[in-house]
């Protein structure tokens, strides 16, 4: 506000000064005489001032025209000038407008239009960091994989866009089914940006698909360090990968390496049933019965499972039924309300020919939660107590149509597996198998699942899991 007042005062003062000076000049009178080639010209002072001002304006105009001519010459010569900058700004504005329209078309799923707009932007902007990315994504959206591949390769040439180019190529190879190349590209992308969650996930999926368990363990460790995975989940997944790696080494004949890996996996996740079973087997290679027992007991306390009972039996395979019944109290006194614990008690009682105890353990389950296994045990109890064939056959008929009971079921797709695997065989989700009862209508259990029970039914406490019962009707029930 004050500055505006000051400017108004100065302007008025300037006008007053010019007016005052002009008045003095006019009052002075006289003339100014100039000679040109023998001719004499006389002008008044005011005319001289006007002529001087006019001369300055003409000179300024000539200078401006000369500047325009020079700029035009430089423009056509390729030099940077105000004219080139003007046209450049106009070209840049049109380029960014085309780029924006291309991005909008890409978001709308209009791949062909997005490609056209991206091509226009590329021609106008000369900014490959921006246009190549949009062009690649537009080509991919329109199904033009060849063009998309070309643009992704261009992105590799710039440090700022190399990661995006590698990731785009990786996705292209995954789409084509070239998982070997995709894995190599995923490893490159991970090296460029170790903390990128999507890259780590893709790398981990490819590593587990290729059974590269050690590499997958490093990827999990990186995800935990980056805060992309909770520590407890990461520890469990490392244990699963260690277990898979142990199995792989054992299959390759590396007993020492497999033993170390299996025991480490069990320590990392004591509740992982397959790891506890394999760790117990590895401890028994060193005849360390105590360590094997502790590994199985910890897993049983979390979730009783028939594989744990079978592994527990293998700790002392030559013991008689009485000794086995006594030793198994280490398991049966844990998780006493579990159905698996009750079934185990019934099987042990059968092996010891204590049929009343077997009935007390299995009857409630057979009545309230009937499964192939519990009903088959009831048939064996009836047979052991001397019931007629009609009574035994009635239990077996129920068993033939009963549910299998808990199995390894994928939490993601509900696919049932005959044995535990690190990845679902159907949806390929990692660490998705749970020991639980599948949906109704699934097939009954196989003989392998009921092998421990089969050994008990024959009175052979040392029978392996694949033992077949001699009684034809029981064999039919177990085998189906």
Protein backbone atom coordinates (compact mmCIF):
# COMPACT_ATOMS: atom_id res chain seq x y z
CA UNK A 1 0.00 0.00 0.00
CA UNK A 2 2.77 2.47 0.98
CA UNK A 3 4.82 1.46 -2.06
CA UNK A 4 1.84 2.18 -4.34
CA UNK A 5 1.46 5.66 -2.84
CA UNK A 6 5.22 6.27 -3.29
CA UNK A 7 5.02 5.22 -6.96
CA UNK A 8 2.05 7.55 -7.57
CA UNK A 9 3.93 10.45 -5.95
CA UNK A 10 7.06 9.75 -8.03
CA UNK A 11 4.99 9.53 -11.25
CA UNK A 12 3.30 12.87 -10.51
CA UNK A 13 6.69 14.41 -9.65
CA UNK A 14 8.16 13.14 -12.95
CA UNK A 15 5.28 14.58 -14.99
CA UNK A 16 5.57 17.88 -13.12
CA UNK A 17 9.32 18.00 -13.76
CA UNK A 18 8.90 17.27 -17.48
CA UNK A 19 6.16 19.93 -17.73
CA UNK A 20 8.26 22.41 -15.85
CA UNK A 21 11.27 21.75 -18.08
CA UNK A 22 9.17 22.00 -21.24
CA UNK A 23 7.80 25.35 -20.03
CA UNK A 24 11.29 26.67 -19.41
CA UNK A 25 12.41 25.54 -22.87
CA UNK A 26 9.40 27.20 -24.50
CA UNK A 27 9.90 30.40 -22.53
CA UNK A 28 13.55 30.51 -23.46
CA UNK A 29 12.72 30.98 -27.14
CA UNK A 30 15.50 31.26 -29.73
CA UNK A 31 16.42 28.56 -32.20
CA UNK A 32 18.97 25.86 -32.91
CA UNK A 33 20.75 26.18 -36.23
CA UNK A 34 22.19 23.17 -38.06
CA UNK A 35 24.05 23.12 -41.38
CA UNK A 36 23.95 20.17 -43.83
CA UNK A 37 25.89 20.42 -47.10
CA UNK A 38 25.72 24.19 -47.29
CA UNK A 39 22.11 24.35 -46.21
CA UNK A 40 21.16 25.82 -42.93
CA UNK A 41 18.20 24.51 -40.86
CA UNK A 42 16.86 26.35 -37.84
CA UNK A 43 14.55 24.59 -35.32
CA UNK A 44 13.16 25.56 -31.99
CA UNK A 45 14.43 23.86 -28.83
CA UNK A 46 11.16 21.96 -28.38
CA UNK A 47 11.43 20.66 -31.94
CA UNK A 48 14.97 19.53 -31.24
CA UNK A 49 13.81 17.57 -28.19
CA UNK A 50 11.02 15.92 -30.20
CA UNK A 51 13.46 15.03 -32.96
CA UNK A 52 15.88 13.52 -30.44
CA UNK A 53 13.14 11.37 -28.93
CA UNK A 54 12.02 10.25 -32.39
CA UNK A 55 15.61 9.32 -33.29
CA UNK A 56 15.94 7.19 -30.16
CA UNK A 57 12.67 5.39 -30.98
CA UNK A 58 13.81 4.69 -34.56
CA UNK A 59 17.15 3.35 -33.39
CA UNK A 60 15.39 1.09 -30.84
CA UNK A 61 13.01 -0.16 -33.55
CA UNK A 62 15.91 -0.90 -35.90
CA UNK A 63 17.72 -2.77 -33.14
CA UNK A 64 14.56 -4.87 -32.46
CA UNK A 65 14.11 -5.69 -36.15
CA UNK A 66 17.79 -6.60 -36.44
CA UNK A 67 17.46 -8.88 -33.38
CA UNK A 68 14.45 -10.63 -34.97
CA UNK A 69 16.40 -11.19 -38.19
CA UNK A 70 19.41 -12.58 -36.31
CA UNK A 71 17.17 -14.88 -34.21
CA UNK A 72 15.42 -16.14 -37.34
CA UNK A 73 18.76 -16.89 -38.97
CA UNK A 74 19.95 -18.75 -35.84
CA UNK A 75 16.67 -20.64 -35.64
CA UNK A 76 17.02 -21.96 -39.18
CA UNK A 77 20.69 -22.64 -38.45
CA UNK A 78 19.70 -24.92 -35.51
CA UNK A 79 20.90 -22.67 -32.68
CA UNK A 80 18.85 -22.15 -29.54
CA UNK A 81 16.90 -18.91 -29.67
CA UNK A 82 13.79 -17.41 -28.17
CA UNK A 83 11.90 -18.67 -31.19
CA UNK A 84 13.17 -22.23 -30.72
CA UNK A 85 12.41 -22.02 -27.00
CA UNK A 86 8.89 -20.88 -27.80
CA UNK A 87 8.27 -23.73 -30.21
CA UNK A 88 10.03 -26.11 -27.79
CA UNK A 89 7.70 -25.14 -24.98
CA UNK A 90 4.74 -25.65 -27.25
CA UNK A 91 6.06 -29.03 -28.34
CA UNK A 92 6.71 -30.06 -24.73
CA UNK A 93 3.20 -29.06 -23.70
CA UNK A 94 1.72 -31.15 -26.49
CA UNK A 95 3.99 -34.05 -25.53
CA UNK A 96 2.96 -34.03 -21.87
CA UNK A 97 -0.66 -33.73 -22.91
CA UNK A 98 -0.30 -36.82 -25.11
CA UNK A 99 1.48 -38.64 -22.29
CA UNK A 100 -1.30 -37.80 -19.85
CA UNK A 101 -3.94 -38.95 -22.32
CA UNK A 102 -2.00 -42.17 -22.86
CA UNK A 103 -1.91 -42.84 -19.11
CA UNK A 104 -5.64 -42.22 -18.85
CA UNK A 105 -6.29 -44.58 -21.78
CA UNK A 106 -4.05 -47.19 -20.13
CA UNK A 107 -5.96 -46.91 -16.87
CA UNK A 108 -9.21 -47.27 -18.79
CA UNK A 109 -7.97 -50.45 -20.48
CA UNK A 110 -7.81 -48.91 -23.95
CA UNK A 111 -4.47 -50.39 -24.97
CA UNK A 112 -4.47 -49.35 -28.64
CA UNK A 113 -5.19 -45.70 -27.88
CA UNK A 114 -2.61 -45.74 -25.10
CA UNK A 115 0.03 -47.01 -27.55
CA UNK A 116 -0.81 -44.23 -30.05
CA UNK A 117 -0.66 -41.52 -27.38
CA UNK A 118 2.57 -42.91 -25.98
CA UNK A 119 4.12 -42.89 -29.47
CA UNK A 120 3.10 -39.24 -29.91
CA UNK A 121 4.56 -38.36 -26.52
CA UNK A 122 7.79 -40.17 -27.39
CA UNK A 123 8.12 -38.19 -30.62
CA UNK A 124 7.46 -34.83 -28.96
CA UNK A 125 9.19 -35.19 -25.59
CA UNK A 126 12.29 -37.23 -26.29
CA UNK A 127 12.05 -38.45 -22.66
CA UNK A 128 12.48 -42.25 -22.88
CA UNK A 129 12.36 -42.64 -19.07
CA UNK A 130 8.68 -41.69 -19.22
CA UNK A 131 7.49 -42.74 -22.63
CA UNK A 132 9.12 -46.19 -22.76
CA UNK A 133 7.43 -47.20 -19.52
CA UNK A 134 3.98 -46.11 -20.67
CA UNK A 135 4.57 -47.63 -24.09
CA UNK A 136 5.59 -50.97 -22.56
CA UNK A 137 2.59 -51.11 -20.26
CA UNK A 138 0.26 -50.04 -23.06
CA UNK A 139 1.62 -52.72 -25.38
CA UNK A 140 1.26 -55.30 -22.61
CA UNK A 141 -2.32 -54.22 -21.94
CA UNK A 142 -3.21 -54.53 -25.60
CA UNK A 143 -1.67 -57.99 -25.87
CA UNK A 144 1.24 -56.92 -28.08
CA UNK A 145 3.93 -58.84 -26.20
CA UNK A 146 6.58 -58.32 -28.88
CA UNK A 147 6.31 -54.53 -28.65
CA UNK A 148 6.17 -54.68 -24.85
CA UNK A 149 9.36 -56.75 -24.84
CA UNK A 150 11.06 -54.15 -27.05
CA UNK A 151 10.20 -51.29 -24.70
CA UNK A 152 11.17 -53.23 -21.58
CA UNK A 153 14.58 -53.89 -23.13
CA UNK A 154 14.93 -50.15 -23.76
CA UNK A 155 14.23 -49.50 -20.08
CA UNK A 156 17.27 -51.64 -19.20
CA UNK A 157 19.56 -49.06 -20.81
CA UNK A 158 18.81 -46.37 -18.20
CA UNK A 159 19.87 -46.66 -14.54
CA UNK A 160 16.65 -44.97 -13.43
CA UNK A 161 14.40 -47.45 -15.23
CA UNK A 162 16.52 -50.63 -15.22
CA UNK A 163 14.60 -52.16 -12.30
CA UNK A 164 11.26 -51.56 -14.00
CA UNK A 165 12.61 -53.09 -17.21
CA UNK A 166 13.88 -56.21 -15.42
CA UNK A 167 10.60 -56.61 -13.57
CA UNK A 168 8.59 -56.18 -16.77
CA UNK A 169 10.68 -58.79 -18.57
CA UNK A 170 10.26 -61.15 -15.62
CA UNK A 171 6.48 -60.87 -15.85
CA UNK A 172 6.66 -61.47 -19.59
CA UNK A 173 8.65 -64.66 -19.08
CA UNK A 174 6.26 -65.84 -16.39
CA UNK A 175 3.37 -65.34 -18.80
CA UNK A 176 5.25 -67.35 -21.43
CA UNK A 177 5.95 -70.11 -18.91
CA UNK A 178 9.73 -69.64 -19.10
CA UNK A 179 10.30 -69.98 -15.35
CA UNK A 180 14.06 -70.51 -15.65
CA UNK A 181 14.60 -67.11 -17.27
CA UNK A 182 12.00 -65.57 -14.96
CA UNK A 183 13.96 -66.83 -11.94
CA UNK A 184 17.20 -65.29 -13.24
CA UNK A 185 15.41 -61.97 -13.84
CA UNK A 186 13.80 -62.09 -10.39
CA UNK A 187 17.24 -62.56 -8.84
CA UNK A 188 18.50 -59.54 -10.83
CA UNK A 189 15.52 -57.42 -9.75
CA UNK A 190 16.10 -58.47 -6.14
CA UNK A 191 19.75 -57.40 -6.42
CA UNK A 192 18.67 -53.99 -7.73
CA UNK A 193 16.02 -53.44 -5.03
CA UNK A 194 16.38 -55.90 -2.15
CA UNK A 195 13.49 -54.40 -0.21
CA UNK A 196 10.84 -54.52 -2.95
CA UNK A 197 8.00 -56.68 -1.63
CA UNK A 198 6.52 -57.77 -4.98
CA UNK A 199 9.94 -58.79 -6.27
CA UNK A 200 10.71 -60.81 -3.14
CA UNK A 201 7.35 -62.57 -3.39
CA UNK A 202 7.89 -63.47 -7.06
CA UNK A 203 11.44 -64.62 -6.36
CA UNK A 204 10.31 -66.76 -3.42
CA UNK A 205 7.53 -68.41 -5.45
CA UNK A 206 9.96 -69.26 -8.25
CA UNK A 207 12.59 -70.56 -5.85
CA UNK A 208 10.14 -72.87 -4.09
CA UNK A 209 8.74 -74.02 -7.43
CA UNK A 210 12.29 -74.94 -8.51
CA UNK A 211 13.04 -76.53 -5.09
CA UNK A 212 15.85 -74.03 -4.49
CA UNK A 213 15.31 -74.17 -0.75
CA UNK A 214 18.51 -72.45 0.36
CA UNK A 215 17.86 -69.48 -1.90
CA UNK A 216 14.28 -69.29 -0.67
CA UNK A 217 15.55 -69.20 2.93
CA UNK A 218 17.68 -66.15 2.10
CA UNK A 219 14.66 -64.48 0.49
CA UNK A 220 12.57 -65.09 3.62
CA UNK A 221 15.35 -63.64 5.77
CA UNK A 222 15.36 -60.54 3.54
CA UNK A 223 11.57 -60.18 3.85
CA UNK A 224 11.82 -60.32 7.64
CA UNK A 225 14.66 -57.76 7.69
CA UNK A 226 12.64 -55.45 5.42
CA UNK A 227 9.63 -55.72 7.75
CA UNK A 228 7.50 -57.33 5.04
CA UNK A 229 6.93 -60.50 7.09
CA UNK A 230 6.36 -61.01 10.85
CA UNK A 231 9.28 -62.67 12.61
CA UNK A 232 7.25 -65.64 13.84
CA UNK A 233 5.89 -66.34 10.36
CA UNK A 234 9.37 -65.95 8.90
CA UNK A 235 10.79 -68.38 11.45
CA UNK A 236 8.15 -71.01 10.61
CA UNK A 237 8.74 -70.61 6.89
CA UNK A 238 12.48 -70.91 7.36
CA UNK A 239 11.81 -74.15 9.24
CA UNK A 240 9.65 -75.48 6.40
CA UNK A 241 12.34 -74.59 3.88
CA UNK A 242 14.97 -76.21 6.09
CA UNK A 243 12.85 -79.36 6.28
CA UNK A 244 12.45 -79.46 2.49
CA UNK A 245 16.18 -78.90 2.10
CA UNK A 246 16.89 -81.74 4.56
CA UNK A 247 14.67 -84.12 2.60
CA UNK A 248 16.44 -83.12 -0.60
CA UNK A 249 19.88 -83.75 0.88
CA UNK A 250 18.83 -87.10 2.32
CA UNK A 251 17.43 -88.15 -1.06
CA UNK A 252 20.78 -87.19 -2.61
CA UNK A 253 22.66 -89.32 -0.07
CA UNK A 254 23.97 -86.44 2.06
CA UNK A 255 23.01 -87.99 5.42
CA UNK A 256 25.12 -85.67 7.56
CA UNK A 257 23.84 -82.51 5.88
CA UNK A 258 20.25 -83.75 5.94
CA UNK A 259 20.54 -84.66 9.61
CA UNK A 260 21.82 -81.19 10.54
CA UNK A 261 19.16 -79.43 8.49
CA UNK A 262 16.31 -81.57 9.86
CA UNK A 263 17.28 -80.99 13.50
CA UNK A 264 17.68 -77.24 12.85
CA UNK A 265 14.22 -77.11 11.24
CA UNK A 266 12.69 -78.83 14.25
CA UNK A 267 14.37 -76.39 16.65
CA UNK A 268 13.13 -73.42 14.60
CA UNK A 269 9.53 -74.69 14.65
CA UNK A 270 8.92 -77.48 17.21
CA UNK A 271 5.19 -77.60 16.34
CA UNK A 272 5.86 -78.49 12.69
CA UNK A 273 4.79 -82.14 12.61
CA UNK A 274 6.83 -83.37 9.58
CA UNK A 275 9.94 -81.64 10.97
CA UNK A 276 9.46 -83.34 14.35
CA UNK A 277 9.08 -86.75 12.69
CA UNK A 278 12.17 -86.34 10.53
CA UNK A 279 14.18 -84.87 13.41
CA UNK A 280 13.27 -87.89 15.56
CA UNK A 281 14.49 -90.20 12.79
CA UNK A 282 17.75 -88.24 12.56
CA UNK A 283 18.25 -88.37 16.34
CA UNK A 284 17.76 -92.13 16.21
CA UNK A 285 20.63 -92.38 13.73
CA UNK A 286 22.79 -91.32 16.67
CA UNK A 287 20.73 -93.53 19.01
CA UNK A 288 19.66 -90.41 20.89
CA UNK A 289 16.29 -91.69 22.12
CA UNK A 290 15.84 -88.86 24.59
CA UNK A 291 16.17 -86.14 21.93
CA UNK A 292 13.84 -88.04 19.60
CA UNK A 293 11.25 -88.42 22.38
CA UNK A 294 11.41 -84.74 23.31
CA UNK A 295 10.97 -83.64 19.69
CA UNK A 296 7.85 -85.79 19.29
CA UNK A 297 6.39 -84.80 22.67
CA UNK A 298 6.68 -81.06 21.87
CA UNK A 299 4.91 -81.52 18.56
CA UNK A 300 2.24 -83.76 20.12
CA UNK A 301 1.51 -81.11 22.77
CA UNK A 302 0.69 -78.65 19.98
CA UNK A 303 -1.28 -81.03 17.76
CA UNK A 304 -1.50 -84.81 18.18
CA UNK A 305 -0.98 -86.60 14.89
CA UNK A 306 -0.77 -90.29 13.85
CA UNK A 307 2.62 -89.73 12.19
CA UNK A 308 4.00 -88.61 15.55
CA UNK A 309 2.66 -91.77 17.20
CA UNK A 310 4.16 -93.94 14.46
CA UNK A 311 7.55 -92.20 14.85
CA UNK A 312 7.29 -92.61 18.63
CA UNK A 313 6.73 -96.34 18.15
CA UNK A 314 9.88 -96.58 16.02
CA UNK A 315 12.01 -95.35 18.91
CA UNK A 316 11.67 -98.82 20.45
CA UNK A 317 10.38 -101.10 17.68
CA UNK A 318 11.04 -104.39 19.50
CA UNK A 319 9.23 -103.72 22.77
CA UNK A 320 6.20 -105.79 23.79
CA UNK A 321 2.70 -104.36 24.17
CA UNK A 322 2.98 -103.82 27.93
CA UNK A 323 6.23 -101.85 27.65
CA UNK A 324 4.84 -99.89 24.73
CA UNK A 325 1.70 -99.01 26.67
CA UNK A 326 3.83 -97.73 29.54
CA UNK A 327 6.22 -95.76 27.31
CA UNK A 328 3.38 -94.17 25.36
CA UNK A 329 2.03 -92.51 28.49
CA UNK A 330 4.54 -89.77 27.67
CA UNK A 331 2.16 -88.89 24.82
CA UNK A 332 -1.24 -90.01 26.10
CA UNK A 333 -1.01 -87.84 29.22
CA UNK A 334 -0.63 -84.81 26.93
CA UNK A 335 -3.65 -83.26 25.19
CA UNK A 336 -5.94 -85.82 26.79
CA UNK A 337 -9.10 -84.33 25.26
CA UNK A 338 -7.79 -84.65 21.74
CA UNK A 339 -9.50 -87.22 19.50
CA UNK A 340 -6.10 -88.41 18.33
CA UNK A 341 -4.98 -89.06 21.90
CA UNK A 342 -8.15 -91.06 22.60
CA UNK A 343 -7.72 -93.12 19.45
CA UNK A 344 -4.09 -93.77 20.34
CA UNK A 345 -5.16 -95.00 23.79
CA UNK A 346 -7.67 -97.33 22.14
CA UNK A 347 -5.05 -98.71 19.76
CA UNK A 348 -2.59 -99.31 22.59
CA UNK A 349 -5.26 -101.05 24.63
CA UNK A 350 -6.10 -103.25 21.64
CA UNK A 351 -2.44 -104.21 21.29
CA UNK A 352 -2.45 -105.16 24.96
CA UNK A 353 -5.79 -107.01 24.44
CA UNK A 354 -7.42 -104.80 27.07
CA UNK A 355 -10.70 -104.52 25.16
CA UNK A 356 -12.74 -102.76 27.90
CA UNK A 357 -10.09 -100.00 28.08
CA UNK A 358 -10.09 -99.74 24.28
CA UNK A 359 -13.88 -99.42 24.29
CA UNK A 360 -13.81 -96.67 26.94
CA UNK A 361 -11.29 -94.72 24.85
CA UNK A 362 -12.98 -95.07 21.45
CA UNK A 363 -16.72 -95.46 22.11
CA UNK A 364 -17.53 -91.77 22.53
CA UNK A 365 -15.69 -90.88 19.34
CA UNK A 366 -17.36 -93.69 17.39
CA UNK A 367 -20.77 -92.46 18.49
CA UNK A 368 -20.32 -88.68 18.30
CA UNK A 369 -17.52 -88.19 15.76
CA UNK A 370 -17.46 -91.40 13.71
CA UNK A 371 -14.58 -91.85 11.28
CA UNK A 372 -13.18 -94.82 9.38
CA UNK A 373 -10.52 -95.23 12.02
CA UNK A 374 -12.72 -95.06 15.14
CA UNK A 375 -15.35 -97.38 13.66
CA UNK A 376 -12.71 -99.87 12.54
CA UNK A 377 -11.31 -99.86 16.09
CA UNK A 378 -14.81 -100.59 17.41
CA UNK A 379 -15.09 -103.52 14.99
CA UNK A 380 -11.78 -104.87 16.27
CA UNK A 381 -12.95 -104.47 19.88
CA UNK A 382 -16.14 -106.41 19.15
CA UNK A 383 -14.14 -109.13 17.40
CA UNK A 384 -11.64 -109.29 20.26
CA UNK A 385 -14.44 -109.67 22.81
CA UNK A 386 -15.93 -112.53 20.84
CA UNK A 387 -18.95 -110.78 19.28
CA UNK A 388 -20.71 -112.52 16.40
CA UNK A 389 -19.90 -111.74 12.78
CA UNK A 390 -23.11 -109.74 12.35
CA UNK A 391 -22.08 -107.25 15.04
CA UNK A 392 -18.54 -106.91 13.65
CA UNK A 393 -19.90 -106.51 10.12
CA UNK A 394 -22.28 -103.76 11.28
CA UNK A 395 -19.35 -101.66 12.51
CA UNK A 396 -17.41 -102.32 9.33
CA UNK A 397 -20.34 -101.28 7.15
CA UNK A 398 -20.46 -98.00 9.04
CA UNK A 399 -16.70 -97.59 8.55
CA UNK A 400 -16.98 -98.05 4.79
CA UNK A 401 -19.20 -94.96 4.50
CA UNK A 402 -17.71 -92.88 7.30
CA UNK A 403 -15.58 -89.71 6.86
CA UNK A 404 -11.84 -90.09 6.77
CA UNK A 405 -11.29 -87.71 9.67
CA UNK A 406 -8.46 -85.14 9.77
CA UNK A 407 -6.19 -84.92 6.73
CA UNK A 408 -3.68 -82.53 5.22
CA UNK A 409 -5.98 -79.92 3.67
CA UNK A 410 -4.95 -76.71 1.87
CA UNK A 411 -6.32 -73.62 3.62
CA UNK A 412 -6.43 -71.75 0.30
CA UNK A 413 -8.15 -74.18 -2.08
CA UNK A 414 -9.28 -77.02 0.27
CA UNK A 415 -7.38 -79.58 -1.80
CA UNK A 416 -6.64 -82.79 0.14
CA UNK A 417 -3.11 -84.21 0.15
CA UNK A 418 -2.03 -87.73 0.95
CA UNK A 419 1.00 -86.34 2.80
CA UNK A 420 2.41 -83.02 3.95
CA UNK A 421 4.13 -80.85 1.32
CA UNK A 422 5.72 -77.37 1.54
CA UNK A 423 3.44 -76.17 -1.30
CA UNK A 424 -0.10 -77.11 -2.20
CA UNK A 425 -0.08 -79.45 -5.18
CA UNK A 426 -3.18 -77.73 -6.56
CA UNK A 427 -2.90 -73.95 -6.00
CA UNK A 428 0.87 -73.95 -5.26
CA UNK A 429 0.42 -71.81 -2.14
CA UNK A 430 3.33 -72.10 0.26
CA UNK A 431 2.75 -73.27 3.85
CA UNK A 432 -0.99 -73.70 3.39
CA UNK A 433 -1.51 -77.30 4.56
CA UNK A 434 -3.28 -77.87 7.87
CA UNK A 435 -4.18 -81.10 9.63
CA UNK A 436 -7.96 -80.80 9.85
CA UNK A 437 -11.21 -82.44 8.86
CA UNK A 438 -11.97 -81.80 5.16
CA UNK A 439 -15.43 -80.96 3.81
CA UNK A 440 -17.99 -83.75 3.88
CA UNK A 441 -18.18 -86.20 0.98
CA UNK A 442 -14.46 -86.89 0.62
CA UNK A 443 -13.07 -90.40 0.11
CA UNK A 444 -12.34 -92.59 3.15
CA UNK A 445 -8.84 -93.20 4.44
CA UNK A 446 -6.34 -95.52 2.81
CA UNK A 447 -4.65 -98.52 4.38
CA UNK A 448 -1.43 -96.54 4.82
CA UNK A 449 -3.18 -94.05 7.08
CA UNK A 450 -4.62 -96.81 9.25
CA UNK A 451 -1.48 -98.95 9.33
CA UNK A 452 -0.77 -98.32 13.00
CA UNK A 453 -4.35 -99.31 13.83
CA UNK A 454 -4.00 -102.35 11.60
CA UNK A 455 -1.02 -103.51 13.61
CA UNK A 456 -3.03 -103.12 16.78
CA UNK A 457 -5.98 -105.05 15.38
CA UNK A 458 -3.77 -108.07 14.70
CA UNK A 459 -2.24 -107.84 18.14
CA UNK A 460 1.15 -107.16 16.57
CA UNK A 461 2.46 -104.09 18.35
CA UNK A 462 5.52 -104.03 16.09
CA UNK A 463 3.61 -104.00 12.82
CA UNK A 464 4.73 -101.33 10.34
CA UNK A 465 2.32 -98.77 8.99
CA UNK A 466 1.62 -100.80 5.85
CA UNK A 467 0.63 -103.99 7.75
CA UNK A 468 -2.47 -105.68 6.30
CA UNK A 469 -4.93 -107.33 8.70
CA UNK A 470 -5.62 -110.99 7.97
CA UNK A 471 -9.35 -110.82 8.64
CA UNK A 472 -10.93 -110.26 5.22
CA UNK A 473 -13.64 -107.88 6.42
CA UNK A 474 -11.22 -105.69 8.36
CA UNK A 475 -8.83 -105.67 5.40
CA UNK A 476 -11.67 -104.39 3.24
CA UNK A 477 -12.54 -101.65 5.70
CA UNK A 478 -8.95 -100.51 6.12
CA UNK A 479 -8.01 -100.74 2.43
CA UNK A 480 -10.98 -98.64 1.33
